[in-house]
Amino acid sequence: MSSLHKKTKENDMLMALLEKPAEAQRAAGYADTLREILQQPATWQNTFQHVHDAAAQALLANALEPRPEHLVLTGSGSSIYIGECLAPLLQTALGIPVQAIAAGTLLTHWRSVLPPGPGLLVSMARSGDSPESAAVVDTVLTEASAWRHLVVTCNAQGKLATQYRDEPRVSVLVLDERTNDRSLVMTSSFTNLLLGGLGLLGDALHAGAIEQAAANAQRIFDTHADAIAALAGRDMHAAVYLGSGAAFGAAREGALKMLEMTGGKVVTMAETFLGLRHGPMSFVHPHTLVIAMLSADPTVRHYECDVLRELSRKQLGMAKLVVGDDIPADVLAAGDVAITTSASASNPEVSPLLAGVVVAQLLAFFRCLELGGKPDTPSEGVLTRVVEDFALHGAAP
């Protein structure tokens, strides 16, 4: 049983929400989202075991043989941010060029953005039913036949999982049904698809890294939830999310979560730490919260902490929420919140990356409730869980 069921002074807010009857949680519009956020530590370990069973390892190894010259990760919305998290990690480990290209961009501009084959196109998808998802695979299968395909999805019944069963160039890895989030916003589906993509590392992805990531996330739920909720309850009009390397994808996902869950009432921006200095720092006003996802690399972290010190020196922003290993005390000012993570010796980037995503999810969740919204169905009438069908147009003559 999760330690969240042990009431502590640090998680009073979560306990108050969890102790409400199921009917009250559903009426308040947060039942699915809260369950899906909190299930992540358990589902991560399940996903790790799944991608390391013999069948999945054979499938993933086969996707990389013969060795592709390029690997492209694609998806829409949160799914492309998964690709942005994965690209630097996979490129470092596999030694081949890896990039993330949004499915919408491939749909309209595949000729100018898809590298020459032979390559592997990895489609990341919660439902696998977004209109552009299958359309991109269809286009690349027809027009760029040297490319092979790997689908990583949470939905065994989705188009991406079912439509290509007789196509030998397409392999499909389906995750546990629990990861197929029912909420409009992606939370556990995001992090588990990320781990599913990391399955391409094979034995280079170690169980210890996943166990450490799960322990970090549980500690955030148990001891930091109220501090995150308190920040979400302040007079926040904007939020800027900072990340470097793989964490830039996490920053982009954090910015989207806040934008989605507040229906645009909190304006967001995602930027690299060093990129913030080149104009975007003007976005940081007295009502702007800065969420900083620190790198596991000590050299990179030095650059990142210099930027945080600059923000403090210039007295910019409402407060900082800093997540990562070895957070120096002098990057924090009064009112800031630090959430220290522990990285494993193997795959040190994984646990702080996932911790940053989880913190961003909780922050957006609490801000949505603070503004009177329903996290399960934010922006009702504007957004849908799966993008509605739209016309697909053939190539211009």
Protein backbone atom coordinates (compact mmCIF):
# COMPACT_ATOMS: atom_id res chain seq x y z
CA MET A 1 0.00 0.00 0.00
CA SER A 2 1.27 3.47 -0.86
CA SER A 3 2.66 5.47 2.02
CA LEU A 4 0.24 8.19 0.93
CA HIS A 5 -2.29 6.33 3.02
CA LYS A 6 -0.26 7.24 6.11
CA LYS A 7 -1.33 10.73 7.08
CA THR A 8 1.60 13.08 7.64
CA LYS A 9 1.87 16.80 8.13
CA GLU A 10 3.60 17.07 4.74
CA ASN A 11 0.79 15.60 2.63
CA ASP A 12 -2.37 16.95 4.25
CA MET A 13 -3.61 18.37 0.93
CA LEU A 14 -3.35 15.06 -0.92
CA MET A 15 -4.86 13.15 1.99
CA ALA A 16 -7.83 15.51 2.13
CA LEU A 17 -8.47 14.90 -1.56
CA LEU A 18 -7.97 11.13 -1.32
CA GLU A 19 -10.21 10.75 1.74
CA LYS A 20 -13.26 12.07 -0.09
CA PRO A 21 -15.68 9.38 -1.32
CA ALA A 22 -15.20 8.29 -4.93
CA GLU A 23 -18.45 9.96 -5.95
CA ALA A 24 -17.31 13.28 -4.47
CA GLN A 25 -13.93 13.02 -6.21
CA ARG A 26 -15.65 12.41 -9.53
CA ALA A 27 -18.10 15.27 -8.98
CA ALA A 28 -15.16 17.58 -8.20
CA GLY A 29 -13.55 16.47 -11.45
CA TYR A 30 -10.20 15.17 -10.21
CA ALA A 31 -10.66 11.41 -9.57
CA ASP A 32 -8.92 10.15 -12.70
CA THR A 33 -6.12 12.69 -12.78
CA LEU A 34 -5.14 12.25 -9.13
CA ARG A 35 -5.20 8.46 -9.36
CA GLU A 36 -3.11 8.54 -12.53
CA ILE A 37 -0.52 10.90 -11.07
CA LEU A 38 -0.15 8.85 -7.89
CA GLN A 39 0.05 5.46 -9.61
CA GLN A 40 3.26 6.38 -11.41
CA PRO A 41 5.87 4.84 -9.07
CA ALA A 42 4.16 1.44 -9.30
CA THR A 43 3.49 1.62 -13.03
CA TRP A 44 7.09 2.62 -13.79
CA GLN A 45 8.39 -0.58 -12.26
CA ASN A 46 5.74 -2.56 -14.12
CA THR A 47 6.69 -0.90 -17.42
CA PHE A 48 10.39 -1.60 -16.81
CA GLN A 49 9.61 -5.29 -16.26
CA HIS A 50 7.38 -5.34 -19.34
CA VAL A 51 9.96 -3.84 -21.72
CA HIS A 52 12.59 -6.23 -20.38
CA ASP A 53 10.64 -9.44 -20.84
CA ALA A 54 11.87 -11.72 -23.58
CA ALA A 55 9.17 -10.86 -26.13
CA ALA A 56 9.54 -7.10 -25.76
CA GLN A 57 13.32 -7.24 -25.86
CA ALA A 58 13.19 -9.32 -29.04
CA LEU A 59 10.75 -6.84 -30.59
CA LEU A 60 12.87 -3.80 -29.65
CA ALA A 61 16.11 -5.42 -30.74
CA ASN A 62 14.53 -6.36 -34.06
CA ALA A 63 13.42 -2.74 -34.56
CA LEU A 64 17.09 -1.71 -34.43
CA GLU A 65 18.29 -4.41 -36.87
CA PRO A 66 19.63 -3.74 -39.36
CA ARG A 67 21.03 -0.65 -37.64
CA PRO A 68 19.09 2.43 -38.83
CA GLU A 69 21.06 5.41 -40.07
CA HIS A 70 18.61 7.76 -38.38
CA LEU A 71 16.03 7.44 -35.61
CA VAL A 72 13.08 9.84 -35.53
CA LEU A 73 10.63 10.06 -32.63
CA THR A 74 7.20 11.42 -33.43
CA GLY A 75 3.87 12.16 -31.78
CA SER A 76 1.49 15.03 -31.11
CA GLY A 77 1.04 17.26 -28.07
CA SER A 78 2.57 15.65 -24.99
CA SER A 79 3.77 12.71 -27.10
CA ILE A 80 6.25 14.81 -29.06
CA TYR A 81 7.65 16.13 -25.77
CA ILE A 82 8.30 12.49 -24.82
CA GLY A 83 10.36 12.33 -28.00
CA GLU A 84 12.25 15.48 -27.01
CA CYS A 85 13.10 13.87 -23.65
CA LEU A 86 14.22 10.66 -25.32
CA ALA A 87 16.23 11.99 -28.26
CA PRO A 88 19.42 13.05 -26.43
CA LEU A 89 19.38 9.97 -24.20
CA LEU A 90 18.97 7.56 -27.11
CA GLN A 91 21.50 9.32 -29.31
CA THR A 92 24.14 9.15 -26.59
CA ALA A 93 23.50 5.47 -25.92
CA LEU A 94 22.89 4.18 -29.45
CA GLY A 95 25.46 6.28 -31.28
CA ILE A 96 23.16 7.18 -34.18
CA PRO A 97 21.48 10.53 -34.98
CA VAL A 98 18.16 10.83 -33.11
CA GLN A 99 15.67 13.67 -33.37
CA ALA A 100 12.06 14.42 -32.45
CA ILE A 101 9.72 15.68 -35.17
CA ALA A 102 6.06 16.44 -34.43
CA ALA A 103 3.53 14.27 -36.26
CA GLY A 104 1.82 17.37 -37.64
CA THR A 105 5.10 18.54 -39.14
CA LEU A 106 5.72 15.13 -40.71
CA LEU A 107 2.17 15.13 -42.08
CA THR A 108 2.62 18.45 -43.88
CA HIS A 109 6.39 18.62 -44.51
CA TRP A 110 7.78 15.08 -44.42
CA ARG A 111 9.78 15.61 -47.62
CA SER A 112 11.79 18.46 -46.13
CA VAL A 113 12.18 17.24 -42.53
CA LEU A 114 12.48 13.44 -42.66
CA PRO A 115 16.16 12.46 -43.00
CA PRO A 116 17.17 10.11 -45.80
CA GLY A 117 16.60 6.44 -44.98
CA PRO A 118 17.09 3.77 -43.99
CA GLY A 119 15.74 4.85 -40.64
CA LEU A 120 13.44 3.94 -37.76
CA LEU A 121 10.35 6.08 -37.09
CA VAL A 122 9.13 5.65 -33.50
CA SER A 123 5.53 6.77 -32.94
CA MET A 124 4.69 7.57 -29.30
CA ALA A 125 0.96 7.58 -28.53
CA ARG A 126 -1.39 7.28 -25.59
CA SER A 127 -4.49 6.39 -27.63
CA GLY A 128 -2.98 5.90 -31.09
CA ASP A 129 -6.19 7.38 -32.50
CA SER A 130 -5.19 10.96 -33.23
CA PRO A 131 -5.91 11.70 -36.92
CA GLU A 132 -2.32 12.50 -37.85
CA SER A 133 -0.82 9.47 -36.08
CA ALA A 134 -1.82 6.77 -38.57
CA ALA A 135 -1.72 9.24 -41.46
CA VAL A 136 1.99 9.84 -40.85
CA VAL A 137 2.76 6.11 -40.68
CA ASP A 138 0.75 5.54 -43.88
CA THR A 139 2.57 8.34 -45.66
CA VAL A 140 6.05 7.22 -44.65
CA LEU A 141 5.28 3.57 -45.44
CA THR A 142 4.23 4.60 -48.95
CA GLU A 143 6.59 7.46 -49.75
CA ALA A 144 9.73 6.52 -47.77
CA SER A 145 9.77 2.75 -47.96
CA ALA A 146 13.31 2.43 -46.56
CA TRP A 147 11.99 3.49 -43.15
CA ARG A 148 10.83 0.94 -40.60
CA HIS A 149 8.40 1.74 -37.81
CA LEU A 150 8.03 1.14 -34.08
CA VAL A 151 4.83 2.10 -32.29
CA VAL A 152 4.86 2.53 -28.49
CA THR A 153 1.30 2.99 -27.22
CA CYS A 154 -0.90 2.63 -24.15
CA ASN A 155 -3.97 1.52 -26.11
CA ALA A 156 -4.16 -2.02 -27.48
CA GLN A 157 -7.34 -1.12 -29.38
CA GLY A 158 -6.04 2.09 -31.00
CA LYS A 159 -5.46 2.49 -34.73
CA LEU A 160 -1.69 2.47 -34.35
CA ALA A 161 -1.83 -0.82 -32.45
CA THR A 162 -4.28 -2.61 -34.76
CA GLN A 163 -3.99 -1.18 -38.26
CA TYR A 164 -0.57 -2.60 -39.23
CA ARG A 165 -0.73 -6.19 -38.01
CA ASP A 166 -0.01 -7.47 -41.52
CA GLU A 167 2.73 -4.92 -42.25
CA PRO A 168 6.18 -6.44 -41.58
CA ARG A 169 7.82 -3.01 -41.44
CA VAL A 170 5.77 -2.02 -38.36
CA SER A 171 6.39 -3.33 -34.82
CA VAL A 172 4.07 -2.46 -31.93
CA LEU A 173 4.86 -2.32 -28.20
CA VAL A 174 1.71 -1.97 -26.08
CA LEU A 175 2.04 -0.90 -22.44
CA ASP A 176 -0.17 -1.90 -19.53
CA GLU A 177 -3.78 -0.73 -19.84
CA ARG A 178 -3.45 1.19 -16.54
CA THR A 179 -1.17 3.66 -18.32
CA ASN A 180 -3.92 4.56 -20.81
CA ASP A 181 -4.97 7.63 -18.80
CA ARG A 182 -8.70 8.35 -18.66
CA SER A 183 -8.14 12.01 -17.79
CA LEU A 184 -7.93 14.48 -20.65
CA VAL A 185 -4.41 15.39 -19.58
CA MET A 186 -1.57 12.89 -19.97
CA THR A 187 0.27 12.11 -16.74
CA SER A 188 1.16 8.45 -16.15
CA SER A 189 0.85 7.80 -19.89
CA PHE A 190 3.57 10.41 -20.49
CA THR A 191 6.09 8.96 -18.07
CA ASN A 192 5.39 5.33 -18.95
CA LEU A 193 5.66 5.98 -22.68
CA LEU A 194 8.98 7.66 -21.91
CA LEU A 195 10.15 4.50 -20.16
CA GLY A 196 8.76 2.41 -23.00
CA GLY A 197 10.94 4.37 -25.42
CA LEU A 198 13.94 3.90 -23.14
CA GLY A 199 13.38 0.18 -23.63
CA LEU A 200 15.38 0.65 -26.84
CA LEU A 201 18.43 0.83 -24.58
CA GLY A 202 18.01 -2.85 -23.72
CA ASP A 203 20.24 -3.94 -20.85
CA ALA A 204 21.74 -0.44 -20.69
CA LEU A 205 18.56 0.66 -18.88
CA HIS A 206 19.02 -0.59 -15.32
CA ALA A 207 16.42 -1.58 -12.75
CA GLY A 208 18.19 0.51 -10.11
CA ALA A 209 17.49 3.71 -12.03
CA ILE A 210 13.76 2.94 -12.17
CA GLU A 211 13.65 1.99 -8.49
CA GLN A 212 15.37 5.27 -7.61
CA ALA A 213 12.96 7.22 -9.81
CA ALA A 214 9.98 5.55 -8.13
CA ALA A 215 11.40 6.30 -4.68
CA ASN A 216 11.94 9.95 -5.63
CA ALA A 217 8.37 10.29 -6.89
CA GLN A 218 6.91 8.67 -3.80
CA ARG A 219 8.96 10.99 -1.61
CA ILE A 220 7.58 13.96 -3.53
CA PHE A 221 4.03 12.75 -2.87
CA ASP A 222 4.75 12.03 0.79
CA THR A 223 6.77 15.08 1.82
CA HIS A 224 6.53 17.85 -0.79
CA ALA A 225 2.93 17.89 -1.98
CA ASP A 226 1.78 20.59 0.44
CA ALA A 227 4.68 22.89 -0.47
CA ILE A 228 3.78 22.50 -4.15
CA ALA A 229 0.11 23.13 -3.37
CA ALA A 230 1.05 26.26 -1.43
CA LEU A 231 2.93 27.64 -4.45
CA ALA A 232 -0.05 26.80 -6.65
CA GLY A 233 -2.27 28.76 -4.27
CA ARG A 234 -0.31 31.99 -4.66
CA ASP A 235 -1.20 34.81 -7.05
CA MET A 236 0.40 33.16 -10.08
CA HIS A 237 -0.39 34.62 -13.48
CA ALA A 238 2.43 32.99 -15.45
CA ALA A 239 4.94 30.16 -15.19
CA VAL A 240 8.24 29.61 -16.96
CA TYR A 241 9.68 26.10 -17.10
CA LEU A 242 13.43 25.65 -17.53
CA GLY A 243 15.28 22.51 -18.63
CA SER A 244 18.44 21.53 -20.50
CA GLY A 245 19.04 18.54 -22.76
CA ALA A 246 16.48 15.81 -22.12
CA ALA A 247 14.86 17.98 -19.44
CA PHE A 248 13.86 20.58 -22.03
CA GLY A 249 11.21 18.12 -23.23
CA ALA A 250 10.06 17.79 -19.62
CA ALA A 251 9.91 21.58 -19.34
CA ARG A 252 7.77 21.76 -22.47
CA GLU A 253 5.46 19.10 -21.03
CA GLY A 254 5.23 20.99 -17.72
CA ALA A 255 4.28 24.18 -19.51
CA LEU A 256 1.59 22.34 -21.48
CA LYS A 257 0.16 20.70 -18.33
CA MET A 258 -0.27 24.09 -16.65
CA LEU A 259 -1.77 25.64 -19.78
CA GLU A 260 -4.21 22.74 -20.27
CA MET A 261 -5.27 22.36 -16.65
CA THR A 262 -5.89 26.08 -16.10
CA GLY A 263 -7.59 26.63 -19.45
CA GLY A 264 -4.97 29.23 -20.34
CA LYS A 265 -5.55 31.28 -17.18
CA VAL A 266 -1.88 30.77 -16.34
CA VAL A 267 0.29 31.76 -19.29
CA THR A 268 3.30 29.50 -19.72
CA MET A 269 6.67 29.36 -21.44
CA ALA A 270 9.30 26.63 -21.72
CA GLU A 271 12.91 27.59 -22.33
CA THR A 272 16.43 26.31 -21.82
CA PHE A 273 18.32 27.87 -18.92
CA LEU A 274 20.83 29.58 -21.19
CA GLY A 275 18.15 30.53 -23.70
CA LEU A 276 16.26 32.44 -20.98
CA ARG A 277 18.88 35.20 -21.07
CA HIS A 278 18.25 35.96 -24.74
CA GLY A 279 14.99 37.86 -24.47
CA PRO A 280 12.65 35.43 -22.68
CA MET A 281 13.85 36.68 -19.27
CA SER A 282 11.54 39.64 -19.92
CA PHE A 283 8.68 37.16 -19.38
CA VAL A 284 9.59 36.78 -15.68
CA HIS A 285 7.36 39.25 -13.82
CA PRO A 286 6.41 39.57 -10.11
CA HIS A 287 3.54 37.09 -10.65
CA THR A 288 5.63 34.54 -12.59
CA LEU A 289 6.65 31.25 -11.01
CA VAL A 290 9.95 29.79 -12.27
CA ILE A 291 10.12 25.99 -12.36
CA ALA A 292 13.72 24.82 -12.77
CA MET A 293 14.51 21.19 -13.67
CA LEU A 294 18.22 20.78 -12.98
CA SER A 295 20.51 18.50 -14.98
CA ALA A 296 22.20 15.47 -13.46
CA ASP A 297 25.43 16.56 -15.18
CA PRO A 298 27.47 18.67 -12.71
CA THR A 299 28.96 20.88 -15.45
CA VAL A 300 25.57 21.60 -16.99
CA ARG A 301 24.14 22.21 -13.50
CA HIS A 302 26.77 24.94 -12.90
CA TYR A 303 25.44 26.86 -15.91
CA GLU A 304 21.85 26.34 -14.77
CA CYS A 305 22.51 27.50 -11.22
CA ASP A 306 24.23 30.64 -12.54
CA VAL A 307 20.98 31.55 -14.27
CA LEU A 308 18.99 30.96 -11.07
CA ARG A 309 21.41 33.18 -9.15
CA GLU A 310 20.94 35.86 -11.79
CA LEU A 311 17.16 35.70 -11.35
CA SER A 312 17.60 36.12 -7.58
CA ARG A 313 20.06 38.98 -8.03
CA LYS A 314 17.68 40.80 -10.35
CA GLN A 315 14.73 39.95 -8.04
CA LEU A 316 12.78 38.48 -10.92
CA GLY A 317 9.75 36.26 -10.46
CA MET A 318 7.29 35.43 -7.73
CA ALA A 319 9.29 32.40 -6.56
CA LYS A 320 11.38 29.50 -7.83
CA LEU A 321 10.51 25.80 -7.64
CA VAL A 322 13.81 23.94 -8.13
CA VAL A 323 13.99 20.17 -8.72
CA GLY A 324 17.20 18.14 -8.96
CA ASP A 325 20.32 16.77 -7.34
CA ASP A 326 22.75 18.84 -5.26
CA ILE A 327 20.79 22.11 -5.21
CA PRO A 328 23.11 24.86 -3.87
CA ALA A 329 21.57 26.91 -1.08
CA ASP A 330 22.61 30.18 -2.70
CA VAL A 331 20.32 29.69 -5.74
CA LEU A 332 17.31 29.93 -3.41
CA ALA A 333 15.67 33.07 -2.10
CA ALA A 334 12.93 33.58 0.47
CA GLY A 335 9.75 31.84 -0.64
CA ASP A 336 11.51 29.44 -3.03
CA VAL A 337 10.96 25.67 -2.81
CA ALA A 338 13.70 23.08 -3.39
CA ILE A 339 12.91 19.43 -4.08
CA THR A 340 16.11 17.39 -3.90
CA THR A 341 16.25 14.16 -5.86
CA SER A 342 18.70 11.28 -5.77
CA ALA A 343 20.11 9.90 -9.01
CA SER A 344 21.29 6.33 -9.40
CA ALA A 345 24.82 5.66 -10.60
CA SER A 346 23.35 3.91 -13.63
CA ASN A 347 21.24 6.07 -15.97
CA PRO A 348 21.67 9.16 -13.75
CA GLU A 349 19.50 11.34 -16.01
CA VAL A 350 16.35 9.22 -15.58
CA SER A 351 15.27 9.84 -11.99
CA PRO A 352 15.65 13.68 -11.92
CA LEU A 353 13.94 13.86 -15.33
CA LEU A 354 10.92 11.92 -14.10
CA ALA A 355 10.88 13.86 -10.81
CA GLY A 356 10.65 17.13 -12.72
CA VAL A 357 7.69 15.83 -14.71
CA VAL A 358 5.88 14.64 -11.56
CA VAL A 359 6.40 17.99 -9.79
CA ALA A 360 5.03 19.83 -12.83
CA GLN A 361 1.99 17.55 -12.88
CA LEU A 362 1.19 18.20 -9.21
CA LEU A 363 1.70 21.95 -9.62
CA ALA A 364 -0.74 22.14 -12.54
CA PHE A 365 -3.21 19.87 -10.75
CA PHE A 366 -3.27 22.02 -7.61
CA ARG A 367 -3.43 25.27 -9.59
CA CYS A 368 -6.41 23.94 -11.54
CA LEU A 369 -8.26 23.17 -8.31
CA GLU A 370 -7.29 26.56 -6.86
CA LEU A 371 -8.90 28.27 -9.87
CA GLY A 372 -12.08 26.21 -9.52
CA GLY A 373 -11.34 23.93 -12.46
CA LYS A 374 -11.72 20.19 -13.00
CA PRO A 375 -8.40 18.48 -13.80
CA ASP A 376 -10.11 15.51 -15.48
CA THR A 377 -11.85 17.73 -18.04
CA PRO A 378 -10.15 21.15 -18.19
CA SER A 379 -11.05 23.55 -21.01
CA GLU A 380 -14.31 21.64 -21.52
CA GLY A 381 -15.73 22.36 -24.95
CA VAL A 382 -12.30 23.36 -26.28
CA LEU A 383 -10.11 20.29 -25.78
CA THR A 384 -10.96 16.60 -26.10
CA ARG A 385 -9.03 13.58 -24.83
CA VAL A 386 -8.32 12.53 -28.41
CA VAL A 387 -8.11 15.24 -31.06
CA GLU A 388 -11.26 15.22 -33.19
CA ASP A 389 -11.05 13.93 -36.75
CA PHE A 390 -10.03 16.47 -39.34
CA ALA A 391 -9.69 16.37 -43.11
CA LEU A 392 -6.51 14.76 -44.44
CA HIS A 393 -5.37 16.31 -47.69
CA GLY A 394 -3.33 14.57 -50.35
CA ALA A 395 -0.11 15.94 -51.81
CA ALA A 396 -0.41 18.94 -54.05
CA PRO A 397 -0.27 18.00 -57.77
